[in-house]
Amino acid sequence: MKERQRKDSRPGFVAGGVVILVFLMAVATDAARFGPANVELPPDAMSTYLEIIRISDLDDGHDYFAVALSISNFVNDPSVRPYEATVTLRVNRGSEFFGHGPSSGDHDEVETVPFPELDRTFTFPAGLVTYDESDEQGIATWTVQGERLWKSEPIFGSRGDFLLPTVRVAEGATLTVSAEVTVTWYYRSPVQAYPVATRTITAGLVLNASGRLST
């Protein structure tokens, strides 16, 4: 009789295991979401600051600059954090880029990096960073993902920076820089994180041959 009871309990045990597995998969893939479907961002949810920094050189045929973009996050809800970003910087066609930050790869935490030669300190985001550039077109693009496989973290808190530390253009050229930034905020709970809001901002600067900036 006891042996029969043990056998009869197995289907229920298996079914329970299947239910738990399905639940965990639904949470992991965000098919089941235990929070708001979307969040309305305030008008001042984020801002961007674009900067052109002249670099001294001994090259009679070219001018050198650093181009930096800072993103400020003003969403203070600890459960709604920036988890994705796409940043595109455009400069003069035919410009040459030497280096970039953040670097490509998987970064477990936000990195604060000083650049004494620029008299600046930059805060590079966490997450999986991919980078692509086209010198011919004068375009540099980063994508940052905080949610990847079993890793999950906000890409930055209040600030994230993106940098082209050396951009070479023709001597005396008017340097035009524009930026397009898209940030996606996720709702974060102890069991999952998923997207609930996104915003895109564009900005631009022009450095005239006289050395004066204009927007």
N, C-alpha and C. Protein backbone atom coordinates (compact mmCIF):
# COMPACT_ATOMS: atom_id res chain seq x y z
N MET A 1 0.83 -1.21 0.00
CA MET A 1 0.00 0.00 0.00
C MET A 1 0.87 1.26 0.00
N LYS A 2 1.96 1.26 0.82
CA LYS A 2 2.85 2.40 0.87
C LYS A 2 3.55 2.59 -0.45
N GLU A 3 3.93 1.47 -1.11
CA GLU A 3 4.60 1.57 -2.41
C GLU A 3 3.68 2.19 -3.44
N ARG A 4 2.42 1.86 -3.42
CA ARG A 4 1.46 2.43 -4.35
C ARG A 4 1.28 3.92 -4.12
N GLN A 5 1.28 4.36 -2.85
CA GLN A 5 1.14 5.78 -2.55
C GLN A 5 2.33 6.57 -3.08
N ARG A 6 3.55 5.96 -2.95
CA ARG A 6 4.72 6.65 -3.48
C ARG A 6 4.64 6.81 -4.98
N LYS A 7 4.20 5.77 -5.68
CA LYS A 7 4.07 5.84 -7.13
C LYS A 7 3.02 6.86 -7.55
N ASP A 8 1.93 6.92 -6.82
CA ASP A 8 0.87 7.84 -7.17
C ASP A 8 1.29 9.30 -6.98
N SER A 9 2.23 9.56 -6.11
CA SER A 9 2.64 10.94 -5.84
C SER A 9 3.59 11.48 -6.89
N ARG A 10 4.20 10.60 -7.70
CA ARG A 10 5.19 11.06 -8.66
C ARG A 10 4.63 11.99 -9.73
N PRO A 11 3.49 11.69 -10.33
CA PRO A 11 2.97 12.64 -11.34
C PRO A 11 2.76 14.04 -10.80
N GLY A 12 2.29 14.15 -9.57
CA GLY A 12 2.09 15.46 -8.97
C GLY A 12 3.40 16.16 -8.73
N PHE A 13 4.42 15.40 -8.33
CA PHE A 13 5.74 15.99 -8.10
C PHE A 13 6.32 16.52 -9.41
N VAL A 14 6.19 15.73 -10.48
CA VAL A 14 6.70 16.15 -11.79
C VAL A 14 5.95 17.38 -12.28
N ALA A 15 4.63 17.37 -12.13
CA ALA A 15 3.83 18.51 -12.58
C ALA A 15 4.22 19.78 -11.82
N GLY A 16 4.46 19.62 -10.52
CA GLY A 16 4.88 20.78 -9.74
C GLY A 16 6.22 21.31 -10.20
N GLY A 17 7.14 20.40 -10.53
CA GLY A 17 8.44 20.82 -11.04
C GLY A 17 8.33 21.55 -12.36
N VAL A 18 7.44 21.08 -13.22
CA VAL A 18 7.23 21.72 -14.52
C VAL A 18 6.68 23.13 -14.32
N VAL A 19 5.74 23.27 -13.40
CA VAL A 19 5.15 24.58 -13.12
C VAL A 19 6.22 25.55 -12.64
N ILE A 20 7.09 25.09 -11.74
CA ILE A 20 8.16 25.95 -11.23
C ILE A 20 9.12 26.33 -12.35
N LEU A 21 9.47 25.36 -13.19
CA LEU A 21 10.38 25.62 -14.31
C LEU A 21 9.79 26.64 -15.27
N VAL A 22 8.51 26.48 -15.60
CA VAL A 22 7.84 27.43 -16.49
C VAL A 22 7.81 28.82 -15.88
N PHE A 23 7.55 28.89 -14.57
CA PHE A 23 7.52 30.18 -13.88
C PHE A 23 8.89 30.86 -13.94
N LEU A 24 9.95 30.09 -13.65
CA LEU A 24 11.29 30.66 -13.68
C LEU A 24 11.67 31.13 -15.08
N MET A 25 11.29 30.37 -16.10
CA MET A 25 11.58 30.77 -17.48
C MET A 25 10.81 32.03 -17.85
N ALA A 26 9.57 32.13 -17.39
CA ALA A 26 8.76 33.31 -17.68
C ALA A 26 9.37 34.55 -17.05
N VAL A 27 9.90 34.41 -15.83
CA VAL A 27 10.55 35.53 -15.16
C VAL A 27 11.84 35.90 -15.86
N ALA A 28 12.64 34.87 -16.20
CA ALA A 28 13.94 35.12 -16.82
C ALA A 28 13.81 35.78 -18.19
N THR A 29 12.78 35.43 -18.94
CA THR A 29 12.59 36.00 -20.28
C THR A 29 11.66 37.21 -20.28
N ASP A 30 11.20 37.63 -19.10
CA ASP A 30 10.29 38.77 -18.95
C ASP A 30 8.92 38.53 -19.57
N ALA A 31 8.59 37.27 -19.84
CA ALA A 31 7.24 36.97 -20.32
C ALA A 31 6.22 37.27 -19.22
N ALA A 32 6.62 37.07 -17.99
CA ALA A 32 5.81 37.46 -16.84
C ALA A 32 6.53 38.62 -16.15
N ARG A 33 5.84 39.74 -15.99
CA ARG A 33 6.45 40.92 -15.40
C ARG A 33 5.72 41.29 -14.12
N PHE A 34 6.46 41.42 -13.05
CA PHE A 34 5.88 41.71 -11.75
C PHE A 34 6.17 43.16 -11.38
N GLY A 35 5.56 44.05 -12.12
CA GLY A 35 5.75 45.48 -11.93
C GLY A 35 5.02 46.24 -13.01
N PRO A 36 5.25 47.54 -13.13
CA PRO A 36 4.54 48.36 -14.11
C PRO A 36 4.92 48.00 -15.54
N ALA A 37 3.96 48.11 -16.45
CA ALA A 37 4.24 47.84 -17.87
C ALA A 37 5.08 48.94 -18.48
N ASN A 38 4.88 50.18 -18.02
CA ASN A 38 5.68 51.31 -18.50
C ASN A 38 5.69 52.38 -17.42
N VAL A 39 6.64 53.30 -17.55
CA VAL A 39 6.79 54.40 -16.60
C VAL A 39 6.86 55.70 -17.38
N GLU A 40 6.10 56.70 -16.94
CA GLU A 40 6.14 58.00 -17.59
C GLU A 40 7.29 58.81 -17.01
N LEU A 41 8.23 59.16 -17.87
CA LEU A 41 9.39 59.91 -17.41
C LEU A 41 9.07 61.39 -17.26
N PRO A 42 9.70 62.07 -16.30
CA PRO A 42 9.53 63.52 -16.19
C PRO A 42 10.21 64.20 -17.38
N PRO A 43 9.83 65.44 -17.70
CA PRO A 43 10.45 66.15 -18.83
C PRO A 43 11.96 66.25 -18.71
N ASP A 44 12.46 66.36 -17.48
CA ASP A 44 13.90 66.52 -17.27
C ASP A 44 14.56 65.20 -16.85
N ALA A 45 14.08 64.09 -17.41
CA ALA A 45 14.62 62.78 -17.02
C ALA A 45 16.11 62.66 -17.30
N MET A 46 16.57 63.29 -18.39
CA MET A 46 18.00 63.26 -18.67
C MET A 46 18.40 64.50 -19.45
N SER A 47 19.70 64.77 -19.44
CA SER A 47 20.25 65.85 -20.25
C SER A 47 21.59 65.38 -20.81
N THR A 48 22.08 66.07 -21.83
CA THR A 48 23.39 65.74 -22.39
C THR A 48 24.25 67.00 -22.43
N TYR A 49 25.54 66.81 -22.32
CA TYR A 49 26.50 67.90 -22.40
C TYR A 49 27.60 67.48 -23.37
N LEU A 50 27.74 68.22 -24.45
CA LEU A 50 28.73 67.92 -25.49
C LEU A 50 29.87 68.93 -25.39
N GLU A 51 31.10 68.42 -25.44
CA GLU A 51 32.27 69.28 -25.25
C GLU A 51 33.34 68.97 -26.29
N ILE A 52 33.95 70.03 -26.84
CA ILE A 52 35.09 69.89 -27.73
C ILE A 52 36.30 70.49 -27.03
N ILE A 53 37.37 69.70 -26.91
CA ILE A 53 38.57 70.14 -26.19
C ILE A 53 39.74 70.17 -27.18
N ARG A 54 40.34 71.32 -27.34
CA ARG A 54 41.48 71.45 -28.25
C ARG A 54 42.72 70.81 -27.63
N ILE A 55 43.45 70.04 -28.44
CA ILE A 55 44.68 69.39 -28.00
C ILE A 55 45.85 70.05 -28.72
N SER A 56 46.87 70.44 -27.95
CA SER A 56 48.04 71.06 -28.57
C SER A 56 48.79 70.03 -29.40
N ASP A 57 49.41 70.50 -30.49
CA ASP A 57 50.12 69.58 -31.38
C ASP A 57 51.24 70.32 -32.11
N LEU A 58 52.10 69.55 -32.75
CA LEU A 58 53.19 70.09 -33.56
C LEU A 58 53.03 69.70 -35.02
N ASP A 59 51.79 69.41 -35.40
CA ASP A 59 51.48 68.96 -36.76
C ASP A 59 51.00 70.17 -37.57
N ASP A 60 51.75 70.54 -38.60
CA ASP A 60 51.39 71.71 -39.41
C ASP A 60 50.22 71.44 -40.35
N GLY A 61 49.87 70.17 -40.55
CA GLY A 61 48.81 69.85 -41.50
C GLY A 61 47.48 69.49 -40.87
N HIS A 62 47.44 69.34 -39.53
CA HIS A 62 46.21 68.89 -38.89
C HIS A 62 46.00 69.60 -37.55
N ASP A 63 44.74 69.63 -37.12
CA ASP A 63 44.37 70.05 -35.77
C ASP A 63 43.84 68.83 -35.03
N TYR A 64 44.00 68.84 -33.70
CA TYR A 64 43.61 67.69 -32.87
C TYR A 64 42.65 68.15 -31.76
N PHE A 65 41.64 67.32 -31.54
CA PHE A 65 40.62 67.63 -30.55
C PHE A 65 40.21 66.36 -29.81
N ALA A 66 39.69 66.55 -28.62
CA ALA A 66 38.94 65.50 -27.93
C ALA A 66 37.46 65.89 -27.98
N VAL A 67 36.61 64.89 -28.17
CA VAL A 67 35.17 65.12 -28.18
C VAL A 67 34.55 64.27 -27.07
N ALA A 68 33.87 64.92 -26.14
CA ALA A 68 33.30 64.23 -24.99
C ALA A 68 31.80 64.49 -24.89
N LEU A 69 31.07 63.46 -24.54
CA LEU A 69 29.62 63.56 -24.32
C LEU A 69 29.30 63.02 -22.95
N SER A 70 28.59 63.80 -22.14
CA SER A 70 28.14 63.36 -20.82
C SER A 70 26.62 63.26 -20.81
N ILE A 71 26.13 62.16 -20.26
CA ILE A 71 24.69 61.96 -20.08
C ILE A 71 24.39 62.05 -18.60
N SER A 72 23.44 62.89 -18.22
CA SER A 72 23.02 62.99 -16.83
C SER A 72 21.64 62.38 -16.67
N ASN A 73 21.50 61.51 -15.69
CA ASN A 73 20.23 60.85 -15.39
C ASN A 73 19.62 61.49 -14.15
N PHE A 74 18.39 62.00 -14.28
CA PHE A 74 17.71 62.66 -13.17
C PHE A 74 16.50 61.87 -12.65
N VAL A 75 16.38 60.62 -13.06
CA VAL A 75 15.32 59.76 -12.53
C VAL A 75 15.83 59.17 -11.22
N ASN A 76 15.21 59.54 -10.11
CA ASN A 76 15.73 59.19 -8.79
C ASN A 76 15.07 57.95 -8.19
N ASP A 77 14.08 57.39 -8.86
CA ASP A 77 13.42 56.18 -8.37
C ASP A 77 14.42 55.02 -8.38
N PRO A 78 14.75 54.42 -7.23
CA PRO A 78 15.75 53.35 -7.21
C PRO A 78 15.33 52.10 -7.96
N SER A 79 14.03 51.97 -8.26
CA SER A 79 13.56 50.80 -9.01
C SER A 79 13.51 51.05 -10.51
N VAL A 80 13.81 52.28 -10.96
CA VAL A 80 13.81 52.61 -12.39
C VAL A 80 15.18 53.19 -12.72
N ARG A 81 16.00 52.39 -13.41
CA ARG A 81 17.39 52.77 -13.62
C ARG A 81 17.78 52.64 -15.10
N PRO A 82 18.78 53.39 -15.57
CA PRO A 82 19.24 53.24 -16.96
C PRO A 82 19.92 51.89 -17.18
N TYR A 83 19.41 51.13 -18.14
CA TYR A 83 19.97 49.81 -18.42
C TYR A 83 20.49 49.67 -19.85
N GLU A 84 20.12 50.60 -20.73
CA GLU A 84 20.60 50.53 -22.11
C GLU A 84 20.89 51.96 -22.60
N ALA A 85 21.85 52.05 -23.50
CA ALA A 85 22.13 53.33 -24.15
C ALA A 85 22.72 53.09 -25.53
N THR A 86 22.34 53.95 -26.46
CA THR A 86 22.98 54.00 -27.77
C THR A 86 23.43 55.43 -27.99
N VAL A 87 24.71 55.60 -28.26
CA VAL A 87 25.29 56.93 -28.42
C VAL A 87 26.00 57.00 -29.77
N THR A 88 25.66 58.01 -30.56
CA THR A 88 26.31 58.22 -31.85
C THR A 88 26.89 59.62 -31.89
N LEU A 89 28.20 59.71 -32.13
CA LEU A 89 28.87 60.99 -32.32
C LEU A 89 29.26 61.12 -33.79
N ARG A 90 28.92 62.27 -34.37
CA ARG A 90 29.28 62.54 -35.77
C ARG A 90 30.17 63.78 -35.83
N VAL A 91 31.29 63.65 -36.51
CA VAL A 91 32.18 64.78 -36.74
C VAL A 91 32.41 64.91 -38.24
N ASN A 92 33.29 65.80 -38.63
CA ASN A 92 33.55 66.04 -40.05
C ASN A 92 33.87 64.73 -40.78
N ARG A 93 33.32 64.57 -41.97
CA ARG A 93 33.67 63.42 -42.80
C ARG A 93 35.17 63.41 -43.05
N GLY A 94 35.75 62.22 -43.00
CA GLY A 94 37.18 62.11 -43.23
C GLY A 94 38.04 62.36 -42.01
N SER A 95 37.42 62.68 -40.87
CA SER A 95 38.20 62.83 -39.64
C SER A 95 38.77 61.48 -39.23
N GLU A 96 39.83 61.52 -38.46
CA GLU A 96 40.44 60.29 -37.97
C GLU A 96 40.31 60.21 -36.46
N PHE A 97 39.93 59.02 -35.97
CA PHE A 97 39.75 58.79 -34.54
C PHE A 97 40.92 57.94 -34.02
N PHE A 98 41.40 58.28 -32.83
CA PHE A 98 42.46 57.50 -32.20
C PHE A 98 42.02 57.19 -30.77
N GLY A 99 41.49 56.01 -30.57
CA GLY A 99 41.03 55.59 -29.25
C GLY A 99 39.57 55.96 -29.00
N HIS A 100 38.98 55.35 -27.97
CA HIS A 100 37.60 55.65 -27.58
C HIS A 100 37.36 55.14 -26.16
N GLY A 101 36.43 55.75 -25.49
CA GLY A 101 36.01 55.30 -24.17
C GLY A 101 34.50 55.51 -24.00
N PRO A 102 33.80 54.53 -23.44
CA PRO A 102 34.34 53.30 -22.88
C PRO A 102 34.86 52.35 -23.95
N SER A 103 35.74 51.45 -23.53
CA SER A 103 36.27 50.46 -24.45
C SER A 103 35.25 49.35 -24.68
N SER A 104 35.40 48.62 -25.77
CA SER A 104 34.53 47.49 -26.05
C SER A 104 34.78 46.38 -25.02
N GLY A 105 33.73 45.61 -24.73
CA GLY A 105 33.86 44.51 -23.79
C GLY A 105 32.82 44.57 -22.69
N ASP A 106 32.91 43.61 -21.77
CA ASP A 106 31.95 43.50 -20.68
C ASP A 106 32.55 44.13 -19.42
N HIS A 107 31.91 45.17 -18.92
CA HIS A 107 32.40 45.90 -17.75
C HIS A 107 31.45 45.64 -16.59
N ASP A 108 31.97 45.09 -15.52
CA ASP A 108 31.13 44.72 -14.38
C ASP A 108 30.70 45.91 -13.54
N GLU A 109 31.38 47.04 -13.69
CA GLU A 109 31.02 48.20 -12.88
C GLU A 109 31.39 49.49 -13.62
N VAL A 110 30.81 50.56 -13.14
CA VAL A 110 31.14 51.89 -13.68
C VAL A 110 32.62 52.19 -13.39
N GLU A 111 33.31 52.78 -14.37
CA GLU A 111 34.73 53.06 -14.22
C GLU A 111 34.98 54.57 -14.27
N THR A 112 35.66 55.09 -13.26
CA THR A 112 36.04 56.50 -13.24
C THR A 112 37.50 56.59 -13.67
N VAL A 113 37.74 57.26 -14.80
CA VAL A 113 39.08 57.26 -15.41
C VAL A 113 39.56 58.71 -15.59
N PRO A 114 40.69 59.06 -14.98
CA PRO A 114 41.23 60.42 -15.18
C PRO A 114 42.02 60.51 -16.49
N PHE A 115 41.89 61.65 -17.17
CA PHE A 115 42.68 61.96 -18.34
C PHE A 115 43.42 63.27 -18.06
N PRO A 116 44.59 63.19 -17.41
CA PRO A 116 45.31 64.41 -17.03
C PRO A 116 45.62 65.32 -18.21
N GLU A 117 45.88 64.71 -19.39
CA GLU A 117 46.22 65.52 -20.55
C GLU A 117 45.05 66.37 -21.02
N LEU A 118 43.83 65.98 -20.64
CA LEU A 118 42.63 66.75 -20.98
C LEU A 118 42.11 67.54 -19.77
N ASP A 119 42.75 67.35 -18.62
CA ASP A 119 42.30 67.99 -17.38
C ASP A 119 40.86 67.62 -17.08
N ARG A 120 40.52 66.36 -17.30
CA ARG A 120 39.16 65.87 -17.08
C ARG A 120 39.20 64.48 -16.46
N THR A 121 38.13 64.12 -15.76
CA THR A 121 37.90 62.76 -15.30
C THR A 121 36.56 62.31 -15.85
N PHE A 122 36.53 61.12 -16.46
CA PHE A 122 35.31 60.63 -17.10
C PHE A 122 34.78 59.40 -16.39
N THR A 123 33.46 59.27 -16.41
CA THR A 123 32.77 58.14 -15.79
C THR A 123 32.19 57.26 -16.89
N PHE A 124 32.85 56.13 -17.15
CA PHE A 124 32.43 55.25 -18.22
C PHE A 124 31.44 54.21 -17.69
N PRO A 125 30.42 53.86 -18.48
CA PRO A 125 29.34 52.99 -17.98
C PRO A 125 29.75 51.54 -17.80
N ALA A 126 28.95 50.86 -16.99
CA ALA A 126 29.06 49.41 -16.84
C ALA A 126 28.26 48.73 -17.95
N GLY A 127 28.39 47.41 -18.02
CA GLY A 127 27.61 46.65 -18.98
C GLY A 127 28.42 46.19 -20.17
N LEU A 128 27.74 45.55 -21.10
CA LEU A 128 28.37 45.06 -22.32
C LEU A 128 28.42 46.19 -23.34
N VAL A 129 29.63 46.60 -23.70
CA VAL A 129 29.83 47.74 -24.60
C VAL A 129 30.29 47.23 -25.96
N THR A 130 29.61 47.66 -27.01
CA THR A 130 30.08 47.43 -28.37
C THR A 130 30.31 48.79 -29.01
N TYR A 131 31.32 48.84 -29.87
CA TYR A 131 31.73 50.11 -30.47
C TYR A 131 31.98 49.89 -31.96
N ASP A 132 31.55 50.88 -32.75
CA ASP A 132 31.78 50.81 -34.18
C ASP A 132 32.09 52.23 -34.67
N GLU A 133 33.02 52.32 -35.62
CA GLU A 133 33.35 53.64 -36.14
C GLU A 133 33.61 53.59 -37.64
N SER A 134 33.45 54.76 -38.25
CA SER A 134 33.75 54.93 -39.66
C SER A 134 34.46 56.27 -39.81
N ASP A 135 35.79 56.22 -39.97
CA ASP A 135 36.54 57.46 -40.15
C ASP A 135 36.06 58.19 -41.39
N GLU A 136 35.78 57.43 -42.45
CA GLU A 136 35.37 58.05 -43.71
C GLU A 136 34.10 58.86 -43.54
N GLN A 137 33.17 58.34 -42.78
CA GLN A 137 31.91 59.04 -42.54
C GLN A 137 31.98 59.95 -41.32
N GLY A 138 33.00 59.80 -40.49
CA GLY A 138 33.10 60.61 -39.28
C GLY A 138 32.07 60.23 -38.23
N ILE A 139 31.82 58.93 -38.07
CA ILE A 139 30.77 58.46 -37.16
C ILE A 139 31.36 57.45 -36.17
N ALA A 140 31.06 57.64 -34.89
CA ALA A 140 31.42 56.69 -33.84
C ALA A 140 30.15 56.34 -33.07
N THR A 141 29.92 55.03 -32.86
CA THR A 141 28.68 54.58 -32.22
C THR A 141 29.00 53.57 -31.12
N TRP A 142 28.41 53.81 -29.94
CA TRP A 142 28.47 52.85 -28.84
C TRP A 142 27.07 52.31 -28.56
N THR A 143 26.98 51.05 -28.18
CA THR A 143 25.76 50.50 -27.57
C THR A 143 26.17 49.85 -26.26
N VAL A 144 25.35 50.07 -25.23
CA VAL A 144 25.65 49.54 -23.90
C VAL A 144 24.43 48.78 -23.40
N GLN A 145 24.65 47.56 -22.92
CA GLN A 145 23.58 46.71 -22.41
C GLN A 145 23.89 46.31 -20.97
N GLY A 146 23.03 46.69 -20.04
CA GLY A 146 23.22 46.27 -18.65
C GLY A 146 22.64 44.90 -18.37
N GLU A 147 21.66 44.47 -19.17
CA GLU A 147 21.02 43.16 -19.00
C GLU A 147 21.57 42.23 -20.07
N ARG A 148 22.36 41.24 -19.66
CA ARG A 148 22.93 40.28 -20.61
C ARG A 148 23.17 38.96 -19.91
N LEU A 149 22.63 37.86 -20.51
CA LEU A 149 22.71 36.53 -19.95
C LEU A 149 22.33 36.57 -18.46
N TRP A 150 23.26 36.15 -17.58
CA TRP A 150 22.92 36.11 -16.16
C TRP A 150 23.42 37.34 -15.42
N LYS A 151 23.95 38.33 -16.14
CA LYS A 151 24.39 39.57 -15.52
C LYS A 151 23.33 40.64 -15.70
N SER A 152 23.16 41.44 -14.67
CA SER A 152 22.14 42.50 -14.74
C SER A 152 22.53 43.62 -13.79
N GLU A 153 22.73 44.83 -14.34
CA GLU A 153 23.04 45.99 -13.52
C GLU A 153 22.76 47.26 -14.30
N PRO A 154 22.43 48.35 -13.63
CA PRO A 154 22.30 49.63 -14.33
C PRO A 154 23.63 50.00 -14.97
N ILE A 155 23.58 50.67 -16.13
CA ILE A 155 24.83 51.02 -16.80
C ILE A 155 25.51 52.23 -16.16
N PHE A 156 24.73 53.07 -15.51
CA PHE A 156 25.30 54.15 -14.70
C PHE A 156 24.23 54.67 -13.75
N GLY A 157 24.67 55.49 -12.80
CA GLY A 157 23.73 56.08 -11.84
C GLY A 157 23.28 57.44 -12.31
N SER A 158 23.98 58.47 -11.88
CA SER A 158 23.59 59.83 -12.25
C SER A 158 24.30 60.33 -13.51
N ARG A 159 25.38 59.64 -13.94
CA ARG A 159 26.16 60.16 -15.05
C ARG A 159 26.90 59.05 -15.79
N GLY A 160 26.94 59.20 -17.12
CA GLY A 160 27.74 58.31 -17.95
C GLY A 160 28.40 59.12 -19.06
N ASP A 161 29.68 58.85 -19.32
CA ASP A 161 30.44 59.63 -20.29
C ASP A 161 30.89 58.76 -21.47
N PHE A 162 31.03 59.42 -22.64
CA PHE A 162 31.53 58.78 -23.85
C PHE A 162 32.56 59.72 -24.46
N LEU A 163 33.68 59.16 -24.90
CA LEU A 163 34.82 60.00 -25.25
C LEU A 163 35.53 59.51 -26.50
N LEU A 164 35.82 60.46 -27.39
CA LEU A 164 36.82 60.27 -28.44
C LEU A 164 38.02 61.11 -28.02
N PRO A 165 39.06 60.50 -27.45
CA PRO A 165 40.15 61.29 -26.86
C PRO A 165 41.01 62.02 -27.88
N THR A 166 41.05 61.52 -29.13
CA THR A 166 41.85 62.21 -30.15
C THR A 166 41.13 62.13 -31.49
N VAL A 167 40.74 63.28 -31.99
CA VAL A 167 40.12 63.40 -33.32
C VAL A 167 41.00 64.32 -34.15
N ARG A 168 41.45 63.83 -35.31
CA ARG A 168 42.33 64.64 -36.16
C ARG A 168 41.56 65.13 -37.38
N VAL A 169 41.63 66.44 -37.62
CA VAL A 169 40.98 67.06 -38.77
C VAL A 169 42.00 67.91 -39.51
N ALA A 170 41.64 68.37 -40.68
CA ALA A 170 42.55 69.22 -41.46
C ALA A 170 42.83 70.52 -40.73
N GLU A 171 44.04 71.03 -40.90
CA GLU A 171 44.46 72.28 -40.25
C GLU A 171 43.49 73.41 -40.59
N GLY A 172 42.99 74.09 -39.56
CA GLY A 172 42.13 75.25 -39.75
C GLY A 172 40.70 74.93 -40.14
N ALA A 173 40.32 73.65 -40.14
CA ALA A 173 38.96 73.27 -40.54
C ALA A 173 37.96 73.67 -39.47
N THR A 174 36.74 73.99 -39.90
CA THR A 174 35.64 74.19 -38.97
C THR A 174 35.16 72.81 -38.53
N LEU A 175 35.20 72.55 -37.24
CA LEU A 175 34.83 71.24 -36.71
C LEU A 175 33.36 71.25 -36.30
N THR A 176 32.60 70.36 -36.88
CA THR A 176 31.18 70.22 -36.55
C THR A 176 30.97 68.88 -35.84
N VAL A 177 30.34 68.93 -34.69
CA VAL A 177 30.09 67.72 -33.90
C VAL A 177 28.61 67.65 -33.57
N SER A 178 28.01 66.49 -33.77
CA SER A 178 26.62 66.28 -33.35
C SER A 178 26.53 64.94 -32.62
N ALA A 179 25.52 64.83 -31.79
CA ALA A 179 25.34 63.62 -31.00
C ALA A 179 23.87 63.24 -30.96
N GLU A 180 23.63 61.95 -30.99
CA GLU A 180 22.28 61.41 -30.77
C GLU A 180 22.38 60.36 -29.68
N VAL A 181 21.56 60.51 -28.65
CA VAL A 181 21.62 59.64 -27.48
C VAL A 181 20.23 59.06 -27.21
N THR A 182 20.17 57.75 -27.07
CA THR A 182 18.93 57.08 -26.66
C THR A 182 19.22 56.28 -25.40
N VAL A 183 18.46 56.54 -24.35
CA VAL A 183 18.61 55.81 -23.09
C VAL A 183 17.31 55.08 -22.79
N THR A 184 17.44 53.85 -22.32
CA THR A 184 16.27 53.05 -21.92
C THR A 184 16.38 52.72 -20.44
N TRP A 185 15.33 53.05 -19.71
CA TRP A 185 15.26 52.74 -18.28
C TRP A 185 14.51 51.42 -18.09
N TYR A 186 14.99 50.64 -17.12
CA TYR A 186 14.34 49.37 -16.78
C TYR A 186 13.71 49.50 -15.40
N TYR A 187 12.62 48.76 -15.22
CA TYR A 187 12.09 48.55 -13.87
C TYR A 187 12.86 47.38 -13.27
N ARG A 188 13.44 47.59 -12.11
CA ARG A 188 14.30 46.58 -11.48
C ARG A 188 13.69 46.12 -10.17
N SER A 189 13.53 44.82 -10.03
CA SER A 189 13.04 44.22 -8.80
C SER A 189 14.04 43.14 -8.36
N PRO A 190 13.84 42.52 -7.21
CA PRO A 190 14.78 41.48 -6.79
C PRO A 190 14.82 40.28 -7.72
N VAL A 191 13.80 40.08 -8.57
CA VAL A 191 13.76 38.88 -9.41
C VAL A 191 13.95 39.15 -10.89
N GLN A 192 13.83 40.42 -11.34
CA GLN A 192 13.96 40.67 -12.77
C GLN A 192 14.17 42.16 -13.05
N ALA A 193 14.52 42.43 -14.30
CA ALA A 193 14.63 43.81 -14.78
C ALA A 193 14.15 43.82 -16.23
N TYR A 194 13.32 44.81 -16.59
CA TYR A 194 12.79 44.86 -17.95
C TYR A 194 12.51 46.32 -18.32
N PRO A 195 12.51 46.65 -19.64
CA PRO A 195 12.37 48.04 -20.08
C PRO A 195 10.98 48.61 -19.85
N VAL A 196 10.96 49.87 -19.37
CA VAL A 196 9.68 50.53 -19.13
C VAL A 196 9.61 51.94 -19.72
N ALA A 197 10.74 52.50 -20.16
CA ALA A 197 10.72 53.87 -20.70
C ALA A 197 11.98 54.11 -21.52
N THR A 198 11.86 54.99 -22.52
CA THR A 198 13.02 55.33 -23.34
C THR A 198 12.93 56.80 -23.75
N ARG A 199 14.08 57.40 -24.02
CA ARG A 199 14.10 58.79 -24.47
C ARG A 199 15.32 59.02 -25.35
N THR A 200 15.15 59.89 -26.37
CA THR A 200 16.22 60.23 -27.29
C THR A 200 16.45 61.74 -27.28
N ILE A 201 17.71 62.14 -27.25
CA ILE A 201 18.11 63.54 -27.27
C ILE A 201 19.18 63.73 -28.35
N THR A 202 19.09 64.84 -29.07
CA THR A 202 20.13 65.19 -30.03
C THR A 202 20.77 66.52 -29.61
N ALA A 203 22.03 66.68 -29.95
CA ALA A 203 22.76 67.91 -29.59
C ALA A 203 23.82 68.16 -30.65
N GLY A 204 24.32 69.39 -30.70
CA GLY A 204 25.35 69.70 -31.68
C GLY A 204 26.18 70.90 -31.27
N LEU A 205 27.44 70.92 -31.75
CA LEU A 205 28.35 72.04 -31.53
C LEU A 205 29.16 72.26 -32.80
N VAL A 206 29.57 73.50 -33.00
CA VAL A 206 30.45 73.84 -34.11
C VAL A 206 31.61 74.65 -33.55
N LEU A 207 32.84 74.20 -33.88
CA LEU A 207 34.01 74.97 -33.52
C LEU A 207 34.51 75.67 -34.77
N ASN A 208 34.32 76.98 -34.82
CA ASN A 208 34.69 77.76 -36.02
C ASN A 208 36.21 77.81 -36.17
N ALA A 209 36.64 78.15 -37.38
CA ALA A 209 38.08 78.23 -37.64
C ALA A 209 38.74 79.24 -36.72
N SER A 210 37.98 80.20 -36.23
CA SER A 210 38.52 81.20 -35.31
C SER A 210 38.76 80.62 -33.92
N GLY A 211 38.25 79.39 -33.68
CA GLY A 211 38.40 78.77 -32.38
C GLY A 211 37.25 79.02 -31.46
N ARG A 212 36.20 79.66 -31.95
CA ARG A 212 35.03 79.95 -31.11
C ARG A 212 33.95 78.91 -31.32
N LEU A 213 33.31 78.52 -30.19
CA LEU A 213 32.23 77.55 -30.24
C LEU A 213 30.90 78.21 -30.52
N SER A 214 30.05 77.50 -31.27
CA SER A 214 28.66 77.92 -31.44
C SER A 214 27.79 76.70 -31.43
N THR A 215 26.54 76.83 -31.02
CA THR A 215 25.64 75.70 -30.94
C THR A 215 24.79 75.60 -32.19
